[in-house]
Amino acid sequence: RDGRDELATVMDFIRPGDELVVVKLDRLGRSTRGVLNLVHELEGKGAALTVLEPAFSTKDATGSILVTVLGMVAEMERKFIRERQQTGIEAAKGGGVYTGRKATAPIDKVRQLHASGMGPTAIAKETGLSRMHVYRITKDMPATMAST
């Protein structure tokens, strides 16, 4: 549930006999495993899950099976979308249309400062980049005598 503070809050407040109601199953997680883990956690707390579209609940065995099947379908759908997106990007790159995001880092300036002997922390402060970004830019450059 990384980055899903509201879901974490709801799960903290769930008590035995409660029912978590969601419109669609795919709103609960990005993978079948994530959804099933959440359903397992709900069941462990004595709570149930009700999904409105399509209508079913984990209060009965059929609903529990449906959660697994629909979770798998939702995960497959996300994979298909990613594959189509990647195919589209590759086709656009082949046609010279898609060039990706423009570089925003002053790469030449970072390399120049590094070559003059300035350390990564000082370069980061000078350019406004993170120190890790500076390390990534300069990783293939030879270390200078002044920076050791």
N, C-alpha and C. Protein backbone atom coordinates (compact mmCIF):
# COMPACT_ATOMS: atom_id res chain seq x y z
N ARG A 1 0.81 -1.20 0.00
CA ARG A 1 0.00 0.00 0.00
C ARG A 1 0.85 1.25 0.00
N ASP A 2 2.04 1.15 -0.56
CA ASP A 2 2.92 2.31 -0.65
C ASP A 2 2.23 3.43 -1.41
N GLY A 3 2.24 4.62 -0.83
CA GLY A 3 1.66 5.77 -1.49
C GLY A 3 0.14 5.77 -1.52
N ARG A 4 -0.47 4.88 -0.78
CA ARG A 4 -1.94 4.81 -0.75
C ARG A 4 -2.41 5.03 0.68
N ASP A 5 -2.21 6.25 1.15
CA ASP A 5 -2.48 6.60 2.54
C ASP A 5 -3.95 6.40 2.92
N GLU A 6 -4.86 6.75 2.01
CA GLU A 6 -6.28 6.62 2.32
C GLU A 6 -6.67 5.16 2.53
N LEU A 7 -6.13 4.28 1.69
CA LEU A 7 -6.42 2.86 1.84
C LEU A 7 -5.86 2.34 3.16
N ALA A 8 -4.65 2.77 3.51
CA ALA A 8 -4.04 2.36 4.78
C ALA A 8 -4.90 2.82 5.95
N THR A 9 -5.42 4.04 5.87
CA THR A 9 -6.28 4.56 6.94
C THR A 9 -7.55 3.73 7.06
N VAL A 10 -8.18 3.42 5.92
CA VAL A 10 -9.39 2.60 5.93
C VAL A 10 -9.10 1.24 6.56
N MET A 11 -7.99 0.63 6.15
CA MET A 11 -7.65 -0.70 6.67
C MET A 11 -7.37 -0.66 8.17
N ASP A 12 -6.84 0.45 8.66
CA ASP A 12 -6.60 0.58 10.11
C ASP A 12 -7.91 0.66 10.88
N PHE A 13 -8.95 1.23 10.27
CA PHE A 13 -10.23 1.42 10.95
C PHE A 13 -11.19 0.25 10.79
N ILE A 14 -10.90 -0.68 9.88
CA ILE A 14 -11.80 -1.82 9.64
C ILE A 14 -11.88 -2.68 10.90
N ARG A 15 -13.10 -3.03 11.27
CA ARG A 15 -13.35 -3.86 12.45
C ARG A 15 -14.16 -5.09 12.03
N PRO A 16 -14.20 -6.13 12.88
CA PRO A 16 -15.01 -7.31 12.56
C PRO A 16 -16.45 -6.92 12.27
N GLY A 17 -16.99 -7.49 11.19
CA GLY A 17 -18.36 -7.21 10.78
C GLY A 17 -18.48 -6.05 9.81
N ASP A 18 -17.41 -5.27 9.64
CA ASP A 18 -17.44 -4.15 8.70
C ASP A 18 -17.42 -4.67 7.26
N GLU A 19 -17.77 -3.78 6.35
CA GLU A 19 -17.80 -4.13 4.94
C GLU A 19 -17.16 -2.99 4.15
N LEU A 20 -16.11 -3.31 3.39
CA LEU A 20 -15.46 -2.32 2.53
C LEU A 20 -16.15 -2.38 1.17
N VAL A 21 -16.68 -1.25 0.73
CA VAL A 21 -17.41 -1.19 -0.54
C VAL A 21 -16.60 -0.38 -1.54
N VAL A 22 -16.33 -0.97 -2.71
CA VAL A 22 -15.62 -0.28 -3.79
C VAL A 22 -16.45 -0.36 -5.06
N VAL A 23 -16.28 0.62 -5.93
CA VAL A 23 -17.02 0.62 -7.19
C VAL A 23 -16.50 -0.48 -8.10
N LYS A 24 -15.17 -0.52 -8.29
CA LYS A 24 -14.56 -1.53 -9.16
C LYS A 24 -13.39 -2.17 -8.43
N LEU A 25 -13.16 -3.43 -8.72
CA LEU A 25 -12.10 -4.19 -8.06
C LEU A 25 -10.72 -3.62 -8.35
N ASP A 26 -10.51 -3.10 -9.56
CA ASP A 26 -9.17 -2.61 -9.92
C ASP A 26 -8.77 -1.37 -9.13
N ARG A 27 -9.70 -0.77 -8.39
CA ARG A 27 -9.37 0.39 -7.56
C ARG A 27 -8.62 -0.04 -6.30
N LEU A 28 -8.66 -1.34 -5.98
CA LEU A 28 -8.01 -1.82 -4.76
C LEU A 28 -6.53 -2.12 -4.93
N GLY A 29 -6.09 -2.44 -6.14
CA GLY A 29 -4.70 -2.80 -6.32
C GLY A 29 -4.32 -2.90 -7.77
N ARG A 30 -3.01 -2.90 -8.00
CA ARG A 30 -2.49 -2.93 -9.37
C ARG A 30 -2.18 -4.34 -9.84
N SER A 31 -2.20 -5.29 -8.91
CA SER A 31 -1.90 -6.67 -9.29
C SER A 31 -2.87 -7.62 -8.58
N THR A 32 -2.99 -8.81 -9.13
CA THR A 32 -3.85 -9.81 -8.52
C THR A 32 -3.38 -10.10 -7.11
N ARG A 33 -2.07 -10.22 -6.94
CA ARG A 33 -1.52 -10.50 -5.62
C ARG A 33 -1.89 -9.40 -4.63
N GLY A 34 -1.79 -8.15 -5.05
CA GLY A 34 -2.13 -7.03 -4.16
C GLY A 34 -3.58 -7.07 -3.73
N VAL A 35 -4.47 -7.33 -4.69
CA VAL A 35 -5.91 -7.40 -4.37
C VAL A 35 -6.17 -8.57 -3.45
N LEU A 36 -5.59 -9.73 -3.76
CA LEU A 36 -5.82 -10.91 -2.93
C LEU A 36 -5.26 -10.72 -1.52
N ASN A 37 -4.10 -10.07 -1.41
CA ASN A 37 -3.55 -9.78 -0.08
C ASN A 37 -4.49 -8.89 0.72
N LEU A 38 -5.06 -7.90 0.04
CA LEU A 38 -5.99 -6.99 0.70
C LEU A 38 -7.25 -7.74 1.15
N VAL A 39 -7.78 -8.60 0.29
CA VAL A 39 -8.96 -9.39 0.64
C VAL A 39 -8.64 -10.31 1.81
N HIS A 40 -7.46 -10.92 1.79
CA HIS A 40 -7.03 -11.79 2.89
C HIS A 40 -6.93 -11.01 4.20
N GLU A 41 -6.39 -9.79 4.12
CA GLU A 41 -6.29 -8.94 5.30
C GLU A 41 -7.68 -8.58 5.84
N LEU A 42 -8.60 -8.27 4.92
CA LEU A 42 -9.98 -7.97 5.33
C LEU A 42 -10.61 -9.18 6.03
N GLU A 43 -10.44 -10.36 5.43
CA GLU A 43 -11.00 -11.57 6.01
C GLU A 43 -10.38 -11.86 7.37
N GLY A 44 -9.08 -11.59 7.50
CA GLY A 44 -8.40 -11.77 8.78
C GLY A 44 -8.94 -10.86 9.86
N LYS A 45 -9.46 -9.72 9.47
CA LYS A 45 -10.05 -8.78 10.43
C LYS A 45 -11.54 -9.04 10.63
N GLY A 46 -12.07 -10.05 9.94
CA GLY A 46 -13.49 -10.38 10.07
C GLY A 46 -14.39 -9.45 9.28
N ALA A 47 -13.84 -8.81 8.27
CA ALA A 47 -14.61 -7.87 7.44
C ALA A 47 -14.83 -8.48 6.05
N ALA A 48 -15.71 -7.86 5.29
CA ALA A 48 -16.02 -8.35 3.94
C ALA A 48 -15.76 -7.26 2.92
N LEU A 49 -15.65 -7.68 1.67
CA LEU A 49 -15.47 -6.75 0.56
C LEU A 49 -16.68 -6.86 -0.35
N THR A 50 -17.24 -5.72 -0.72
CA THR A 50 -18.34 -5.69 -1.68
C THR A 50 -17.92 -4.82 -2.85
N VAL A 51 -18.07 -5.36 -4.06
CA VAL A 51 -17.74 -4.64 -5.28
C VAL A 51 -19.05 -4.33 -5.99
N LEU A 52 -19.22 -3.08 -6.42
CA LEU A 52 -20.48 -2.66 -7.04
C LEU A 52 -20.57 -2.99 -8.53
N GLU A 53 -19.43 -2.93 -9.25
CA GLU A 53 -19.42 -3.21 -10.69
C GLU A 53 -18.36 -4.25 -11.01
N PRO A 54 -18.64 -5.45 -11.33
CA PRO A 54 -19.92 -6.14 -11.26
C PRO A 54 -20.26 -6.45 -9.80
N ALA A 55 -21.51 -6.56 -9.50
CA ALA A 55 -21.97 -6.71 -8.12
C ALA A 55 -21.63 -8.09 -7.56
N PHE A 56 -20.80 -8.12 -6.50
CA PHE A 56 -20.52 -9.34 -5.76
C PHE A 56 -19.90 -8.98 -4.42
N SER A 57 -19.87 -9.96 -3.54
CA SER A 57 -19.31 -9.75 -2.21
C SER A 57 -18.52 -10.97 -1.79
N THR A 58 -17.55 -10.76 -0.91
CA THR A 58 -16.75 -11.89 -0.40
C THR A 58 -17.45 -12.56 0.77
N LYS A 59 -18.69 -12.19 1.01
CA LYS A 59 -19.44 -12.82 2.11
C LYS A 59 -19.75 -14.28 1.79
N ASP A 60 -19.69 -14.66 0.51
CA ASP A 60 -19.92 -16.05 0.13
C ASP A 60 -18.74 -16.57 -0.70
N ALA A 61 -18.69 -17.88 -0.89
CA ALA A 61 -17.57 -18.52 -1.59
C ALA A 61 -17.48 -18.07 -3.04
N THR A 62 -18.61 -17.88 -3.69
CA THR A 62 -18.62 -17.46 -5.09
C THR A 62 -17.94 -16.11 -5.25
N GLY A 63 -18.22 -15.21 -4.34
CA GLY A 63 -17.60 -13.88 -4.38
C GLY A 63 -16.10 -13.94 -4.23
N SER A 64 -15.61 -14.83 -3.36
CA SER A 64 -14.17 -14.97 -3.17
C SER A 64 -13.49 -15.47 -4.43
N ILE A 65 -14.12 -16.41 -5.11
CA ILE A 65 -13.57 -16.93 -6.37
C ILE A 65 -13.58 -15.83 -7.42
N LEU A 66 -14.67 -15.08 -7.46
CA LEU A 66 -14.80 -13.99 -8.43
C LEU A 66 -13.73 -12.93 -8.23
N VAL A 67 -13.36 -12.66 -6.98
CA VAL A 67 -12.30 -11.68 -6.70
C VAL A 67 -11.01 -12.12 -7.38
N THR A 68 -10.67 -13.39 -7.25
CA THR A 68 -9.45 -13.91 -7.86
C THR A 68 -9.49 -13.78 -9.38
N VAL A 69 -10.59 -14.21 -9.98
CA VAL A 69 -10.71 -14.18 -11.44
C VAL A 69 -10.68 -12.75 -11.97
N LEU A 70 -11.48 -11.86 -11.37
CA LEU A 70 -11.53 -10.48 -11.85
C LEU A 70 -10.21 -9.75 -11.60
N GLY A 71 -9.55 -10.08 -10.51
CA GLY A 71 -8.23 -9.49 -10.25
C GLY A 71 -7.25 -9.88 -11.34
N MET A 72 -7.30 -11.14 -11.77
CA MET A 72 -6.41 -11.60 -12.84
C MET A 72 -6.75 -10.90 -14.16
N VAL A 73 -8.04 -10.74 -14.44
CA VAL A 73 -8.46 -10.08 -15.67
C VAL A 73 -7.99 -8.62 -15.68
N ALA A 74 -8.15 -7.93 -14.55
CA ALA A 74 -7.73 -6.53 -14.46
C ALA A 74 -6.22 -6.39 -14.66
N GLU A 75 -5.46 -7.32 -14.08
CA GLU A 75 -4.00 -7.29 -14.24
C GLU A 75 -3.62 -7.53 -15.70
N MET A 76 -4.28 -8.48 -16.35
CA MET A 76 -4.00 -8.75 -17.77
C MET A 76 -4.32 -7.53 -18.61
N GLU A 77 -5.43 -6.86 -18.30
CA GLU A 77 -5.82 -5.68 -19.06
C GLU A 77 -4.76 -4.58 -18.93
N ARG A 78 -4.23 -4.38 -17.72
CA ARG A 78 -3.17 -3.38 -17.54
C ARG A 78 -1.92 -3.75 -18.34
N LYS A 79 -1.59 -5.05 -18.37
CA LYS A 79 -0.43 -5.49 -19.16
C LYS A 79 -0.65 -5.23 -20.64
N PHE A 80 -1.85 -5.51 -21.13
CA PHE A 80 -2.16 -5.26 -22.54
C PHE A 80 -2.05 -3.78 -22.87
N ILE A 81 -2.53 -2.94 -21.99
CA ILE A 81 -2.45 -1.49 -22.20
C ILE A 81 -1.00 -1.05 -22.28
N ARG A 82 -0.17 -1.55 -21.35
CA ARG A 82 1.26 -1.20 -21.37
C ARG A 82 1.94 -1.68 -22.65
N GLU A 83 1.58 -2.90 -23.09
CA GLU A 83 2.17 -3.43 -24.33
C GLU A 83 1.78 -2.58 -25.53
N ARG A 84 0.50 -2.20 -25.61
CA ARG A 84 0.06 -1.35 -26.72
C ARG A 84 0.74 0.01 -26.67
N GLN A 85 0.90 0.54 -25.47
CA GLN A 85 1.57 1.82 -25.32
C GLN A 85 3.02 1.71 -25.80
N GLN A 86 3.71 0.65 -25.40
CA GLN A 86 5.10 0.45 -25.81
C GLN A 86 5.21 0.28 -27.32
N THR A 87 4.28 -0.46 -27.91
CA THR A 87 4.27 -0.64 -29.37
C THR A 87 4.09 0.69 -30.07
N GLY A 88 3.18 1.51 -29.55
CA GLY A 88 2.95 2.84 -30.12
C GLY A 88 4.17 3.74 -30.00
N ILE A 89 4.85 3.68 -28.87
CA ILE A 89 6.06 4.49 -28.67
C ILE A 89 7.14 4.05 -29.65
N GLU A 90 7.32 2.73 -29.80
CA GLU A 90 8.34 2.23 -30.73
C GLU A 90 8.03 2.65 -32.17
N ALA A 91 6.76 2.59 -32.55
CA ALA A 91 6.37 3.00 -33.91
C ALA A 91 6.62 4.49 -34.10
N ALA A 92 6.31 5.29 -33.09
CA ALA A 92 6.53 6.73 -33.18
C ALA A 92 8.01 7.05 -33.25
N LYS A 93 8.82 6.32 -32.48
CA LYS A 93 10.28 6.54 -32.53
C LYS A 93 10.81 6.18 -33.92
N GLY A 94 10.30 5.09 -34.49
CA GLY A 94 10.72 4.67 -35.82
C GLY A 94 10.39 5.72 -36.87
N GLY A 95 9.29 6.42 -36.69
CA GLY A 95 8.89 7.47 -37.63
C GLY A 95 9.48 8.83 -37.29
N GLY A 96 10.28 8.87 -36.23
CA GLY A 96 10.91 10.13 -35.85
C GLY A 96 9.98 11.11 -35.16
N VAL A 97 8.81 10.64 -34.74
CA VAL A 97 7.83 11.52 -34.10
C VAL A 97 8.08 11.62 -32.60
N TYR A 98 8.37 10.50 -31.98
CA TYR A 98 8.53 10.44 -30.53
C TYR A 98 10.01 10.57 -30.19
N THR A 99 10.35 11.59 -29.46
CA THR A 99 11.75 11.78 -29.09
C THR A 99 11.96 11.68 -27.60
N GLY A 100 10.90 11.47 -26.84
CA GLY A 100 11.03 11.38 -25.40
C GLY A 100 11.07 12.76 -24.76
N ARG A 101 11.32 12.75 -23.48
CA ARG A 101 11.35 14.00 -22.72
C ARG A 101 12.64 14.75 -23.01
N LYS A 102 12.54 16.05 -23.11
CA LYS A 102 13.72 16.87 -23.33
C LYS A 102 14.59 16.86 -22.08
N ALA A 103 15.90 16.84 -22.27
CA ALA A 103 16.82 16.87 -21.14
C ALA A 103 16.74 18.22 -20.46
N THR A 104 16.58 18.19 -19.14
CA THR A 104 16.49 19.45 -18.39
C THR A 104 17.76 19.72 -17.59
N ALA A 105 18.56 18.69 -17.39
CA ALA A 105 19.78 18.85 -16.59
C ALA A 105 20.87 19.50 -17.44
N PRO A 106 21.61 20.41 -16.84
CA PRO A 106 22.73 21.05 -17.55
C PRO A 106 23.94 20.09 -17.58
N ILE A 107 23.84 19.06 -18.41
CA ILE A 107 24.85 18.00 -18.43
C ILE A 107 26.24 18.53 -18.74
N ASP A 108 26.34 19.41 -19.73
CA ASP A 108 27.66 19.95 -20.09
C ASP A 108 28.28 20.71 -18.92
N LYS A 109 27.46 21.47 -18.21
CA LYS A 109 27.97 22.24 -17.07
C LYS A 109 28.45 21.30 -15.97
N VAL A 110 27.69 20.23 -15.70
CA VAL A 110 28.07 19.26 -14.67
C VAL A 110 29.41 18.63 -15.03
N ARG A 111 29.56 18.23 -16.28
CA ARG A 111 30.82 17.60 -16.72
C ARG A 111 31.99 18.58 -16.65
N GLN A 112 31.73 19.82 -17.01
CA GLN A 112 32.78 20.84 -16.97
C GLN A 112 33.23 21.07 -15.52
N LEU A 113 32.28 21.20 -14.61
CA LEU A 113 32.62 21.42 -13.20
C LEU A 113 33.36 20.21 -12.63
N HIS A 114 32.92 19.02 -13.01
CA HIS A 114 33.57 17.79 -12.55
C HIS A 114 35.01 17.73 -13.06
N ALA A 115 35.20 18.06 -14.32
CA ALA A 115 36.54 18.04 -14.92
C ALA A 115 37.46 19.06 -14.27
N SER A 116 36.88 20.16 -13.77
CA SER A 116 37.71 21.18 -13.13
C SER A 116 38.06 20.81 -11.69
N GLY A 117 37.53 19.67 -11.21
CA GLY A 117 37.91 19.21 -9.89
C GLY A 117 36.86 19.43 -8.81
N MET A 118 35.74 20.00 -9.16
CA MET A 118 34.69 20.24 -8.16
C MET A 118 34.05 18.91 -7.78
N GLY A 119 33.72 18.75 -6.50
CA GLY A 119 33.11 17.52 -6.00
C GLY A 119 31.63 17.45 -6.29
N PRO A 120 31.05 16.26 -6.19
CA PRO A 120 29.63 16.05 -6.50
C PRO A 120 28.68 16.90 -5.65
N THR A 121 28.96 17.06 -4.37
CA THR A 121 28.08 17.86 -3.51
C THR A 121 28.08 19.31 -3.94
N ALA A 122 29.26 19.86 -4.22
CA ALA A 122 29.36 21.25 -4.67
C ALA A 122 28.69 21.43 -6.04
N ILE A 123 28.87 20.45 -6.92
CA ILE A 123 28.23 20.52 -8.25
C ILE A 123 26.71 20.51 -8.09
N ALA A 124 26.22 19.66 -7.20
CA ALA A 124 24.78 19.58 -6.97
C ALA A 124 24.23 20.91 -6.49
N LYS A 125 24.93 21.55 -5.56
CA LYS A 125 24.49 22.85 -5.05
C LYS A 125 24.54 23.91 -6.15
N GLU A 126 25.58 23.87 -6.94
CA GLU A 126 25.78 24.86 -8.02
C GLU A 126 24.69 24.75 -9.10
N THR A 127 24.32 23.51 -9.44
CA THR A 127 23.40 23.30 -10.56
C THR A 127 21.95 23.11 -10.14
N GLY A 128 21.73 22.86 -8.85
CA GLY A 128 20.36 22.62 -8.38
C GLY A 128 19.89 21.20 -8.60
N LEU A 129 20.81 20.32 -8.97
CA LEU A 129 20.47 18.91 -9.17
C LEU A 129 20.70 18.14 -7.87
N SER A 130 20.17 16.94 -7.80
CA SER A 130 20.47 16.10 -6.65
C SER A 130 21.88 15.53 -6.83
N ARG A 131 22.48 15.15 -5.72
CA ARG A 131 23.83 14.59 -5.77
C ARG A 131 23.84 13.29 -6.58
N MET A 132 22.77 12.48 -6.44
CA MET A 132 22.70 11.23 -7.21
C MET A 132 22.64 11.50 -8.71
N HIS A 133 21.94 12.57 -9.09
CA HIS A 133 21.87 12.93 -10.51
C HIS A 133 23.27 13.29 -11.01
N VAL A 134 24.00 14.03 -10.20
CA VAL A 134 25.38 14.39 -10.56
C VAL A 134 26.22 13.12 -10.72
N TYR A 135 26.08 12.18 -9.79
CA TYR A 135 26.83 10.92 -9.88
C TYR A 135 26.49 10.17 -11.17
N ARG A 136 25.20 10.14 -11.54
CA ARG A 136 24.80 9.44 -12.77
C ARG A 136 25.42 10.09 -14.01
N ILE A 137 25.46 11.42 -14.02
CA ILE A 137 26.02 12.13 -15.18
C ILE A 137 27.53 11.90 -15.28
N THR A 138 28.21 11.86 -14.14
CA THR A 138 29.68 11.80 -14.14
C THR A 138 30.23 10.39 -13.95
N LYS A 139 29.38 9.38 -13.89
CA LYS A 139 29.87 8.03 -13.57
C LYS A 139 30.89 7.48 -14.56
N ASP A 140 30.79 7.86 -15.82
CA ASP A 140 31.72 7.34 -16.83
C ASP A 140 32.93 8.25 -17.05
N MET A 141 32.97 9.34 -16.31
CA MET A 141 34.09 10.28 -16.47
C MET A 141 35.22 9.88 -15.53
N PRO A 142 36.46 10.06 -15.95
CA PRO A 142 37.58 9.75 -15.06
C PRO A 142 37.61 10.74 -13.90
N ALA A 143 38.01 10.26 -12.73
CA ALA A 143 38.14 11.14 -11.57
C ALA A 143 39.33 12.05 -11.77
N THR A 144 39.21 13.29 -11.33
CA THR A 144 40.32 14.23 -11.46
C THR A 144 41.13 14.24 -10.18
N MET A 145 42.35 14.70 -10.26
CA MET A 145 43.23 14.74 -9.10
C MET A 145 42.69 15.69 -8.04
N ALA A 146 42.06 16.76 -8.43
CA ALA A 146 41.58 17.76 -7.48
C ALA A 146 40.41 17.24 -6.66
N SER A 147 39.65 16.27 -7.19
CA SER A 147 38.46 15.80 -6.46
C SER A 147 38.78 14.65 -5.53
N THR A 148 40.02 14.16 -5.48
CA THR A 148 40.36 13.05 -4.60
C THR A 148 40.96 13.52 -3.32
